[in-house]
Amino acid sequence: MKSTKIMLAVLATLLIVWCTIGLIGYLLSDLSYRDCMTNTGTLFLMLFLGWIPSIIVGADLDKNLKEY
């Protein structure tokens, strides 16, 4: 159960970071939100930086959650 919670938290963090980066791109450009979410720049930014918050959340949960 611990691994499932960590996996869901990491995936949720990835989605939140992706949506946040897309929102920032939307606010700073003339593109639509959908175009910003699928823009090559957004995807490259997610490839290089988007996984870092997810790893931090996963490591923190692994340390703090107790095994059942």
C-alpha atoms as a PDB file:
ATOM      1  CA  MET A   1       0.000   0.000   0.000  1.00  0.00           C
ATOM      2  CA  LYS A   2       2.922   2.329   0.720  1.00  0.00           C
ATOM      3  CA  SER A   3       4.278   1.978  -2.825  1.00  0.00           C
ATOM      4  CA  THR A   4       0.866   2.709  -4.307  1.00  0.00           C
ATOM      5  CA  LYS A   5       0.525   5.919  -2.299  1.00  0.00           C
ATOM      6  CA  ILE A   6       3.995   7.032  -3.339  1.00  0.00           C
ATOM      7  CA  MET A   7       3.273   6.258  -6.996  1.00  0.00           C
ATOM      8  CA  LEU A   8       0.004   8.214  -6.936  1.00  0.00           C
ATOM      9  CA  ALA A   9       1.641  11.171  -5.199  1.00  0.00           C
ATOM     10  CA  VAL A  10       4.504  11.248  -7.721  1.00  0.00           C
ATOM     11  CA  LEU A  11       2.102  11.096 -10.680  1.00  0.00           C
ATOM     12  CA  ALA A  12      -0.107  13.796  -9.165  1.00  0.00           C
ATOM     13  CA  THR A  13       2.937  16.004  -8.628  1.00  0.00           C
ATOM     14  CA  LEU A  14       4.032  15.474 -12.230  1.00  0.00           C
ATOM     15  CA  LEU A  15       0.595  16.477 -13.507  1.00  0.00           C
ATOM     16  CA  ILE A  16       0.429  19.537 -11.254  1.00  0.00           C
ATOM     17  CA  VAL A  17       3.888  20.706 -12.368  1.00  0.00           C
ATOM     18  CA  TRP A  18       2.980  20.149 -16.048  1.00  0.00           C
ATOM     19  CA  CYS A  19      -0.258  22.131 -15.663  1.00  0.00           C
ATOM     20  CA  THR A  20       1.576  24.906 -13.806  1.00  0.00           C
ATOM     21  CA  ILE A  21       4.256  25.205 -16.481  1.00  0.00           C
ATOM     22  CA  GLY A  22       1.534  25.241 -19.146  1.00  0.00           C
ATOM     23  CA  LEU A  23      -0.362  27.934 -17.238  1.00  0.00           C
ATOM     24  CA  ILE A  24       2.749  30.099 -16.942  1.00  0.00           C
ATOM     25  CA  GLY A  25       3.354  29.682 -20.681  1.00  0.00           C
ATOM     26  CA  TYR A  26      -0.278  30.571 -21.378  1.00  0.00           C
ATOM     27  CA  LEU A  27      -0.097  33.722 -19.295  1.00  0.00           C
ATOM     28  CA  LEU A  28       3.173  34.856 -20.889  1.00  0.00           C
ATOM     29  CA  SER A  29       2.314  34.136 -24.538  1.00  0.00           C
ATOM     30  CA  ASP A  30      -0.406  34.573 -27.118  1.00  0.00           C
ATOM     31  CA  LEU A  31      -1.010  30.816 -27.428  1.00  0.00           C
ATOM     32  CA  SER A  32      -4.056  28.985 -26.114  1.00  0.00           C
ATOM     33  CA  TYR A  33      -3.732  26.844 -22.990  1.00  0.00           C
ATOM     34  CA  ARG A  34      -4.002  23.666 -25.053  1.00  0.00           C
ATOM     35  CA  ASP A  35      -1.222  24.838 -27.369  1.00  0.00           C
ATOM     36  CA  CYS A  36       0.969  25.697 -24.392  1.00  0.00           C
ATOM     37  CA  MET A  37       0.442  22.269 -22.835  1.00  0.00           C
ATOM     38  CA  THR A  38       1.568  20.495 -26.027  1.00  0.00           C
ATOM     39  CA  ASN A  39       4.238  23.012 -26.995  1.00  0.00           C
ATOM     40  CA  THR A  40       7.711  21.582 -27.545  1.00  0.00           C
ATOM     41  CA  GLY A  41       9.221  24.071 -25.087  1.00  0.00           C
ATOM     42  CA  THR A  42       6.845  22.988 -22.334  1.00  0.00           C
ATOM     43  CA  LEU A  43       7.572  19.328 -22.975  1.00  0.00           C
ATOM     44  CA  PHE A  44      11.349  19.893 -22.923  1.00  0.00           C
ATOM     45  CA  LEU A  45      11.035  21.884 -19.702  1.00  0.00           C
ATOM     46  CA  MET A  46       9.097  18.979 -18.184  1.00  0.00           C
ATOM     47  CA  LEU A  47      11.758  16.541 -19.401  1.00  0.00           C
ATOM     48  CA  PHE A  48      14.581  18.487 -17.755  1.00  0.00           C
ATOM     49  CA  LEU A  49      12.950  20.076 -14.697  1.00  0.00           C
ATOM     50  CA  GLY A  50       9.495  18.585 -14.168  1.00  0.00           C
ATOM     51  CA  TRP A  51      10.607  15.380 -12.510  1.00  0.00           C
ATOM     52  CA  ILE A  52      12.598  17.105  -9.727  1.00  0.00           C
ATOM     53  CA  PRO A  53       9.586  18.042  -7.516  1.00  0.00           C
ATOM     54  CA  SER A  54       8.172  14.546  -8.031  1.00  0.00           C
ATOM     55  CA  ILE A  55      11.369  12.908  -6.826  1.00  0.00           C
ATOM     56  CA  ILE A  56      11.415  15.163  -3.762  1.00  0.00           C
ATOM     57  CA  VAL A  57       7.793  14.295  -2.926  1.00  0.00           C
ATOM     58  CA  GLY A  58       8.425  10.579  -3.474  1.00  0.00           C
ATOM     59  CA  ALA A  59      11.539  10.541  -1.289  1.00  0.00           C
ATOM     60  CA  ASP A  60       9.780  12.465   1.477  1.00  0.00           C
ATOM     61  CA  LEU A  61       6.802  10.108   1.450  1.00  0.00           C
ATOM     62  CA  ASP A  62       9.074   7.068   1.414  1.00  0.00           C
ATOM     63  CA  LYS A  63      10.812   8.355   4.515  1.00  0.00           C
ATOM     64  CA  ASN A  64       7.669   9.410   6.401  1.00  0.00           C
ATOM     65  CA  LEU A  65       5.082   6.734   5.524  1.00  0.00           C
ATOM     66  CA  LYS A  66       5.025   3.650   7.695  1.00  0.00           C
ATOM     67  CA  GLU A  67       4.877   0.146   6.248  1.00  0.00           C
ATOM     68  CA  TYR A  68       1.592  -1.681   6.882  1.00  0.00           C
END
